[in-house]
C-alpha atoms as a PDB file:
ATOM      1  CA  MET A   1      -0.017   0.003  -0.016  1.00  0.00           C
ATOM      2  CA  ALA A   2       2.796   2.403   0.779  1.00  0.00           C
ATOM      3  CA  ARG A   3       4.337   1.860  -2.636  1.00  0.00           C
ATOM      4  CA  GLY A   4       1.105   2.744  -4.350  1.00  0.00           C
ATOM      5  CA  SER A   5       0.699   5.846  -2.208  1.00  0.00           C
ATOM      6  CA  ASP A   6       4.230   6.934  -3.080  1.00  0.00           C
ATOM      7  CA  THR A   7       3.561   6.385  -6.727  1.00  0.00           C
ATOM      8  CA  GLY A   8       0.461   8.573  -6.622  1.00  0.00           C
ATOM      9  CA  HIS A   9       2.049  11.416  -4.770  1.00  0.00           C
ATOM     10  CA  GLU A  10       5.134  11.325  -6.947  1.00  0.00           C
ATOM     11  CA  TYR A  11       2.892  12.541  -9.793  1.00  0.00           C
ATOM     12  CA  LEU A  12       2.288  15.692  -7.777  1.00  0.00           C
ATOM     13  CA  SER A  13       5.937  16.438  -7.118  1.00  0.00           C
ATOM     14  CA  LYS A  14       7.169  15.223 -10.521  1.00  0.00           C
ATOM     15  CA  PRO A  15       4.195  15.525 -12.884  1.00  0.00           C
ATOM     16  CA  TRP A  16       6.350  14.882 -15.963  1.00  0.00           C
ATOM     17  CA  THR A  17       6.725  11.267 -14.814  1.00  0.00           C
ATOM     18  CA  MET A  18       3.134  10.670 -15.969  1.00  0.00           C
ATOM     19  CA  LEU A  19       4.529  10.760 -19.502  1.00  0.00           C
ATOM     20  CA  ALA A  20       7.049   7.974 -18.874  1.00  0.00           C
ATOM     21  CA  VAL A  21       5.299   5.469 -21.129  1.00  0.00           C
ATOM     22  CA  TRP A  22       8.293   3.070 -20.866  1.00  0.00           C
ATOM     23  CA  GLN A  23       7.432   2.716 -17.159  1.00  0.00           C
ATOM     24  CA  GLY A  24       3.695   2.035 -17.672  1.00  0.00           C
ATOM     25  CA  GLY A  25       3.106   5.715 -18.130  1.00  0.00           C
ATOM     26  CA  LEU A  26      -0.274   6.946 -19.120  1.00  0.00           C
ATOM     27  CA  VAL A  27      -2.426   3.801 -18.733  1.00  0.00           C
ATOM     28  CA  MET A  28      -6.116   3.992 -19.736  1.00  0.00           C
ATOM     29  CA  TYR A  29      -7.130   7.535 -18.663  1.00  0.00           C
ATOM     30  CA  GLY A  30      -3.987   9.046 -20.085  1.00  0.00           C
ATOM     31  CA  GLY A  31      -4.475   7.107 -23.315  1.00  0.00           C
ATOM     32  CA  MET A  32      -8.087   8.182 -23.576  1.00  0.00           C
ATOM     33  CA  PHE A  33      -7.447  11.891 -22.940  1.00  0.00           C
ATOM     34  CA  GLY A  34      -4.348  11.798 -25.098  1.00  0.00           C
ATOM     35  CA  GLY A  35      -6.272  10.123 -27.866  1.00  0.00           C
ATOM     36  CA  MET A  36      -9.055  12.691 -27.594  1.00  0.00           C
ATOM     37  CA  LEU A  37      -6.491  15.495 -27.797  1.00  0.00           C
ATOM     38  CA  GLY A  38      -4.880  13.893 -30.844  1.00  0.00           C
ATOM     39  CA  GLY A  39      -8.330  13.449 -32.422  1.00  0.00           C
ATOM     40  CA  VAL A  40      -9.154  17.121 -31.823  1.00  0.00           C
ATOM     41  CA  LEU A  41      -5.911  18.255 -33.453  1.00  0.00           C
ATOM     42  CA  CYS A  42      -6.417  15.918 -36.410  1.00  0.00           C
ATOM     43  CA  ALA A  43     -10.068  17.007 -36.771  1.00  0.00           C
ATOM     44  CA  ARG A  44      -9.002  20.652 -36.830  1.00  0.00           C
ATOM     45  CA  ARG A  45      -6.360  19.910 -39.499  1.00  0.00           C
ATOM     46  CA  LEU A  46      -8.860  18.060 -41.626  1.00  0.00           C
ATOM     47  CA  GLN A  47     -11.615  20.673 -40.964  1.00  0.00           C
ATOM     48  CA  ILE A  48     -13.934  18.092 -39.409  1.00  0.00           C
ATOM     49  CA  PRO A  49     -16.380  19.300 -36.770  1.00  0.00           C
ATOM     50  CA  ILE A  50     -14.575  18.489 -33.546  1.00  0.00           C
ATOM     51  CA  ALA A  51     -17.505  17.519 -31.337  1.00  0.00           C
ATOM     52  CA  ASN A  52     -18.858  15.198 -33.966  1.00  0.00           C
ATOM     53  CA  ALA A  53     -15.412  13.582 -34.382  1.00  0.00           C
ATOM     54  CA  LEU A  54     -15.246  13.006 -30.629  1.00  0.00           C
ATOM     55  CA  ASP A  55     -18.640  11.223 -30.547  1.00  0.00           C
ATOM     56  CA  LEU A  56     -17.531   8.859 -33.304  1.00  0.00           C
ATOM     57  CA  GLY A  57     -13.943   8.390 -32.146  1.00  0.00           C
ATOM     58  CA  VAL A  58     -14.732   7.735 -28.499  1.00  0.00           C
ATOM     59  CA  THR A  59     -17.401   5.135 -29.434  1.00  0.00           C
ATOM     60  CA  ALA A  60     -14.950   3.290 -31.666  1.00  0.00           C
ATOM     61  CA  ALA A  61     -12.194   3.545 -29.024  1.00  0.00           C
ATOM     62  CA  PHE A  62     -14.303   1.802 -26.378  1.00  0.00           C
ATOM     63  CA  PHE A  63     -15.080  -1.034 -28.731  1.00  0.00           C
ATOM     64  CA  GLY A  64     -11.352  -1.361 -29.200  1.00  0.00           C
ATOM     65  CA  GLN A  65     -10.684  -1.254 -25.464  1.00  0.00           C
ATOM     66  CA  ALA A  66     -13.171  -4.141 -24.964  1.00  0.00           C
ATOM     67  CA  VAL A  67     -10.857  -6.252 -27.062  1.00  0.00           C
ATOM     68  CA  GLY A  68      -7.686  -4.734 -25.667  1.00  0.00           C
ATOM     69  CA  ARG A  69      -8.489  -5.733 -22.112  1.00  0.00           C
ATOM     70  CA  VAL A  70      -8.152  -9.388 -23.227  1.00  0.00           C
ATOM     71  CA  GLY A  71      -4.426  -8.637 -23.520  1.00  0.00           C
ATOM     72  CA  CYS A  72      -4.373  -7.461 -19.952  1.00  0.00           C
ATOM     73  CA  LEU A  73      -5.768 -10.804 -18.882  1.00  0.00           C
ATOM     74  CA  LEU A  74      -3.249 -12.773 -20.922  1.00  0.00           C
ATOM     75  CA  VAL A  75      -0.198 -11.004 -19.442  1.00  0.00           C
ATOM     76  CA  GLY A  76      -1.588 -10.650 -15.916  1.00  0.00           C
ATOM     77  CA  ASP A  77      -1.889  -6.868 -15.966  1.00  0.00           C
ATOM     78  CA  ASP A  78      -4.677  -4.854 -14.195  1.00  0.00           C
ATOM     79  CA  TYR A  79      -5.419  -7.732 -11.858  1.00  0.00           C
ATOM     80  CA  GLY A  80      -7.930  -7.782  -8.979  1.00  0.00           C
ATOM     81  CA  ALA A  81      -7.472  -8.121  -5.255  1.00  0.00           C
ATOM     82  CA  VAL A  82      -7.204 -11.478  -3.489  1.00  0.00           C
ATOM     83  CA  VAL A  83     -10.706 -13.008  -3.148  1.00  0.00           C
ATOM     84  CA  PRO A  84     -11.917 -13.620   0.418  1.00  0.00           C
ATOM     85  CA  GLU A  85     -12.103 -17.322   1.346  1.00  0.00           C
ATOM     86  CA  ARG A  86     -15.882 -17.471   1.264  1.00  0.00           C
ATOM     87  CA  TRP A  87     -16.037 -16.318  -2.362  1.00  0.00           C
ATOM     88  CA  ARG A  88     -13.236 -18.388  -3.806  1.00  0.00           C
ATOM     89  CA  SER A  89     -15.527 -21.090  -5.247  1.00  0.00           C
ATOM     90  CA  LEU A  90     -17.056 -18.619  -7.685  1.00  0.00           C
ATOM     91  CA  PRO A  91     -16.105 -19.473 -11.300  1.00  0.00           C
ATOM     92  CA  PHE A  92     -14.294 -17.535 -13.948  1.00  0.00           C
ATOM     93  CA  PRO A  93     -14.971 -14.799 -15.231  1.00  0.00           C
ATOM     94  CA  ILE A  94     -15.764 -13.576 -11.707  1.00  0.00           C
ATOM     95  CA  THR A  95     -12.616 -15.026 -10.131  1.00  0.00           C
ATOM     96  CA  LEU A  96      -9.258 -16.043 -11.538  1.00  0.00           C
ATOM     97  CA  HIS A  97      -6.926 -18.724 -10.297  1.00  0.00           C
ATOM     98  CA  VAL A  98      -3.395 -17.528 -10.860  1.00  0.00           C
ATOM     99  CA  PRO A  99      -1.052 -20.307 -11.984  1.00  0.00           C
ATOM    100  CA  ASN A 100       1.857 -21.368  -9.837  1.00  0.00           C
ATOM    101  CA  PRO A 101       4.568 -21.213 -11.063  1.00  0.00           C
ATOM    102  CA  LEU A 102       3.775 -18.122 -13.161  1.00  0.00           C
ATOM    103  CA  PRO A 103       4.473 -18.165 -16.886  1.00  0.00           C
ATOM    104  CA  ALA A 104       7.380 -16.106 -18.191  1.00  0.00           C
ATOM    105  CA  HIS A 105       6.892 -12.341 -18.301  1.00  0.00           C
ATOM    106  CA  SER A 106       3.627 -12.512 -16.293  1.00  0.00           C
ATOM    107  CA  LEU A 107       2.750  -9.248 -14.536  1.00  0.00           C
ATOM    108  CA  PHE A 108       0.755 -10.854 -11.755  1.00  0.00           C
ATOM    109  CA  GLY A 109       3.832 -10.817  -9.502  1.00  0.00           C
ATOM    110  CA  ASP A 110       5.298 -13.570  -7.416  1.00  0.00           C
ATOM    111  CA  ALA A 111       3.112 -12.665  -4.418  1.00  0.00           C
ATOM    112  CA  ASN A 112       0.026 -13.596  -6.412  1.00  0.00           C
ATOM    113  CA  ALA A 113       1.286 -17.008  -7.690  1.00  0.00           C
ATOM    114  CA  GLY A 114      -1.323 -19.610  -6.776  1.00  0.00           C
ATOM    115  CA  GLN A 115      -3.791 -17.008  -5.421  1.00  0.00           C
ATOM    116  CA  VAL A 116      -7.447 -16.571  -6.305  1.00  0.00           C
ATOM    117  CA  LEU A 117      -8.026 -12.972  -7.574  1.00  0.00           C
ATOM    118  CA  TRP A 118     -11.032 -11.058  -8.721  1.00  0.00           C
ATOM    119  CA  ALA A 119     -10.919 -11.227 -12.510  1.00  0.00           C
ATOM    120  CA  THR A 120     -11.108  -7.505 -13.098  1.00  0.00           C
ATOM    121  CA  GLN A 121      -9.727  -7.759 -16.718  1.00  0.00           C
ATOM    122  CA  PRO A 122     -12.903  -9.426 -18.115  1.00  0.00           C
ATOM    123  CA  MET A 123     -14.969  -7.023 -15.972  1.00  0.00           C
ATOM    124  CA  MET A 124     -13.215  -4.092 -17.711  1.00  0.00           C
ATOM    125  CA  SER A 125     -13.854  -5.635 -21.150  1.00  0.00           C
ATOM    126  CA  ILE A 126     -17.553  -5.888 -20.335  1.00  0.00           C
ATOM    127  CA  LYS A 127     -17.442  -2.347 -18.938  1.00  0.00           C
ATOM    128  CA  ALA A 128     -15.886  -0.955 -22.131  1.00  0.00           C
ATOM    129  CA  LEU A 129     -18.408  -2.881 -24.242  1.00  0.00           C
ATOM    130  CA  ILE A 130     -21.277  -1.395 -22.255  1.00  0.00           C
ATOM    131  CA  VAL A 131     -19.917   2.118 -22.714  1.00  0.00           C
ATOM    132  CA  ALA A 132     -19.297   1.548 -26.437  1.00  0.00           C
ATOM    133  CA  CYS A 133     -22.863   0.242 -26.953  1.00  0.00           C
ATOM    134  CA  LEU A 134     -24.193   3.235 -25.031  1.00  0.00           C
ATOM    135  CA  GLY A 135     -22.182   5.486 -27.351  1.00  0.00           C
ATOM    136  CA  LEU A 136     -23.667   3.693 -30.383  1.00  0.00           C
ATOM    137  CA  TYR A 137     -27.103   4.170 -28.939  1.00  0.00           C
ATOM    138  CA  MET A 138     -26.485   7.824 -28.290  1.00  0.00           C
ATOM    139  CA  LEU A 139     -25.156   8.513 -31.779  1.00  0.00           C
ATOM    140  CA  LYS A 140     -28.593   7.934 -33.190  1.00  0.00           C
ATOM    141  CA  ARG A 141     -30.438   9.894 -30.492  1.00  0.00           C
ATOM    142  CA  ARG A 142     -28.097  12.753 -29.508  1.00  0.00           C
ATOM    143  CA  ARG A 143     -29.498  16.266 -29.504  1.00  0.00           C
ATOM    144  CA  TYR A 144     -26.150  17.886 -30.238  1.00  0.00           C
ATOM    145  CA  ALA A 145     -22.661  16.930 -31.332  1.00  0.00           C
ATOM    146  CA  GLY A 146     -20.527  15.988 -28.310  1.00  0.00           C
ATOM    147  CA  GLN A 147     -23.403  14.671 -26.213  1.00  0.00           C
ATOM    148  CA  ALA A 148     -22.497  11.023 -26.914  1.00  0.00           C
ATOM    149  CA  ALA A 149     -18.874  11.555 -25.871  1.00  0.00           C
ATOM    150  CA  LEU A 150     -19.893  13.247 -22.608  1.00  0.00           C
ATOM    151  CA  VAL A 151     -22.320  10.393 -21.761  1.00  0.00           C
ATOM    152  CA  MET A 152     -19.569   7.899 -22.426  1.00  0.00           C
ATOM    153  CA  VAL A 153     -17.013   9.740 -20.276  1.00  0.00           C
ATOM    154  CA  LEU A 154     -19.574   9.923 -17.412  1.00  0.00           C
ATOM    155  CA  SER A 155     -20.598   6.267 -17.696  1.00  0.00           C
ATOM    156  CA  TYR A 156     -16.980   5.135 -17.871  1.00  0.00           C
ATOM    157  CA  ALA A 157     -16.126   7.154 -14.803  1.00  0.00           C
ATOM    158  CA  ILE A 158     -18.937   5.511 -12.827  1.00  0.00           C
ATOM    159  CA  LEU A 159     -18.202   1.938 -14.013  1.00  0.00           C
ATOM    160  CA  ARG A 160     -14.496   2.267 -13.668  1.00  0.00           C
ATOM    161  CA  SER A 161     -14.871   3.463 -10.057  1.00  0.00           C
ATOM    162  CA  LEU A 162     -16.929   0.362  -9.274  1.00  0.00           C
ATOM    163  CA  VAL A 163     -14.408  -2.042 -10.825  1.00  0.00           C
ATOM    164  CA  GLU A 164     -11.648  -0.247  -8.945  1.00  0.00           C
ATOM    165  CA  LEU A 165     -13.201  -1.521  -5.680  1.00  0.00           C
ATOM    166  CA  LEU A 166     -11.972  -4.986  -6.617  1.00  0.00           C
ATOM    167  CA  ARG A 167      -8.590  -3.997  -8.099  1.00  0.00           C
ATOM    168  CA  GLY A 168      -5.498  -5.222  -6.365  1.00  0.00           C
ATOM    169  CA  ASP A 169      -2.635  -3.368  -8.086  1.00  0.00           C
ATOM    170  CA  GLU A 170      -2.193  -0.461  -5.655  1.00  0.00           C
ATOM    171  CA  ILE A 171       1.180   0.336  -7.240  1.00  0.00           C
ATOM    172  CA  ARG A 172      -0.771   2.596  -9.622  1.00  0.00           C
ATOM    173  CA  GLY A 173      -1.356   4.890  -6.710  1.00  0.00           C
ATOM    174  CA  VAL A 174      -3.769   5.360  -3.871  1.00  0.00           C
ATOM    175  CA  TRP A 175      -4.939   8.518  -2.066  1.00  0.00           C
ATOM    176  CA  PHE A 176      -6.413   9.655   1.259  1.00  0.00           C
ATOM    177  CA  GLY A 177      -5.106   6.679   3.211  1.00  0.00           C
ATOM    178  CA  GLY A 178      -6.072   4.208   0.553  1.00  0.00           C
ATOM    179  CA  ALA A 179      -9.696   5.444   0.240  1.00  0.00           C
ATOM    180  CA  LEU A 180      -9.333   6.241  -3.482  1.00  0.00           C
ATOM    181  CA  SER A 181      -7.155   4.849  -6.226  1.00  0.00           C
ATOM    182  CA  THR A 182      -5.614   7.129  -8.842  1.00  0.00           C
ATOM    183  CA  SER A 183      -8.189   5.975 -11.426  1.00  0.00           C
ATOM    184  CA  GLN A 184     -11.069   6.638  -9.011  1.00  0.00           C
ATOM    185  CA  LEU A 185      -9.702  10.146  -8.392  1.00  0.00           C
ATOM    186  CA  ILE A 186      -9.500  10.861 -12.111  1.00  0.00           C
ATOM    187  CA  SER A 187     -12.924   9.288 -12.595  1.00  0.00           C
ATOM    188  CA  LEU A 188     -14.375  11.658  -9.947  1.00  0.00           C
ATOM    189  CA  VAL A 189     -12.950  14.728 -11.712  1.00  0.00           C
ATOM    190  CA  SER A 190     -13.818  13.672 -15.260  1.00  0.00           C
ATOM    191  CA  GLY A 191     -17.262  12.398 -14.228  1.00  0.00           C
ATOM    192  CA  VAL A 192     -18.143  15.655 -12.491  1.00  0.00           C
ATOM    193  CA  VAL A 193     -16.987  17.706 -15.508  1.00  0.00           C
ATOM    194  CA  ALA A 194     -19.002  15.522 -17.942  1.00  0.00           C
ATOM    195  CA  LEU A 195     -22.091  15.716 -15.689  1.00  0.00           C
ATOM    196  CA  PHE A 196     -21.779  19.493 -15.381  1.00  0.00           C
ATOM    197  CA  LEU A 197     -21.585  19.942 -19.129  1.00  0.00           C
ATOM    198  CA  LEU A 198     -24.508  17.557 -19.777  1.00  0.00           C
ATOM    199  CA  ALA A 199     -26.614  19.495 -17.262  1.00  0.00           C
ATOM    200  CA  ARG A 200     -25.526  22.842 -18.640  1.00  0.00           C
ATOM    201  CA  TRP A 201     -26.437  21.835 -22.213  1.00  0.00           C
ATOM    202  CA  HIS A 202     -29.550  19.825 -21.243  1.00  0.00           C
ATOM    203  CA  SER A 203     -31.853  22.009 -23.349  1.00  0.00           C
ATOM    204  CA  ARG A 204     -29.396  22.327 -26.215  1.00  0.00           C
ATOM    205  CA  ARG A 205     -30.554  21.072 -29.643  1.00  0.00           C
ATOM    206  CA  GLU A 206     -28.909  21.288 -33.051  1.00  0.00           C
ATOM    207  CA  ALA A 207     -31.041  21.396 -36.203  1.00  0.00           C
ATOM    208  CA  SER A 208     -29.111  18.597 -37.918  1.00  0.00           C
ATOM    209  CA  ILE A 209     -26.300  16.277 -36.907  1.00  0.00           C
ATOM    210  CA  SER A 210     -24.510  14.046 -39.421  1.00  0.00           C
ATOM    211  CA  CYS A 211     -22.580  10.930 -38.603  1.00  0.00           C
END
């Protein structure tokens, strides 16, 4: 726990270390916001409406993440916490029995060899698929360009915070005595911003929106 706390607070004293992609770097939220920034710059260069591009791009990105999380499962990344004894009989994809010995290059860590963990990787694939399907639904019903992206950011923040309750890789950083993980903290900020914008533009309607 201390290592995770140190990792989180190091970002405050040395914020440039967030960009150290060779050390794990940006992870999902950094990738999402970085991808959105890249999409905005590309849309401007190609003279594509930015909000419309975000709606389409974020929807596609979450479908991609649903597949990408399978890779996390295969290498042992983004694993869950150790399952309490009374829940260990639950089957996959709720729980995951870590092999012992571990395969080469596994990221589960020696301490988790032979343990039963919450299988948060499949949960995050399902979460991403839910958000992507919600985005697809919103694309056909949005009242203004950008609404679908905001709904997806908000729904992802909520679902990610719930999955984080079962995560076990505190090395990514914890805050306030372990009450919040780094991802939950970012989820809180991004979710509040998305909710504020959705509420502010609640009555907004555009005459025509093209996909």
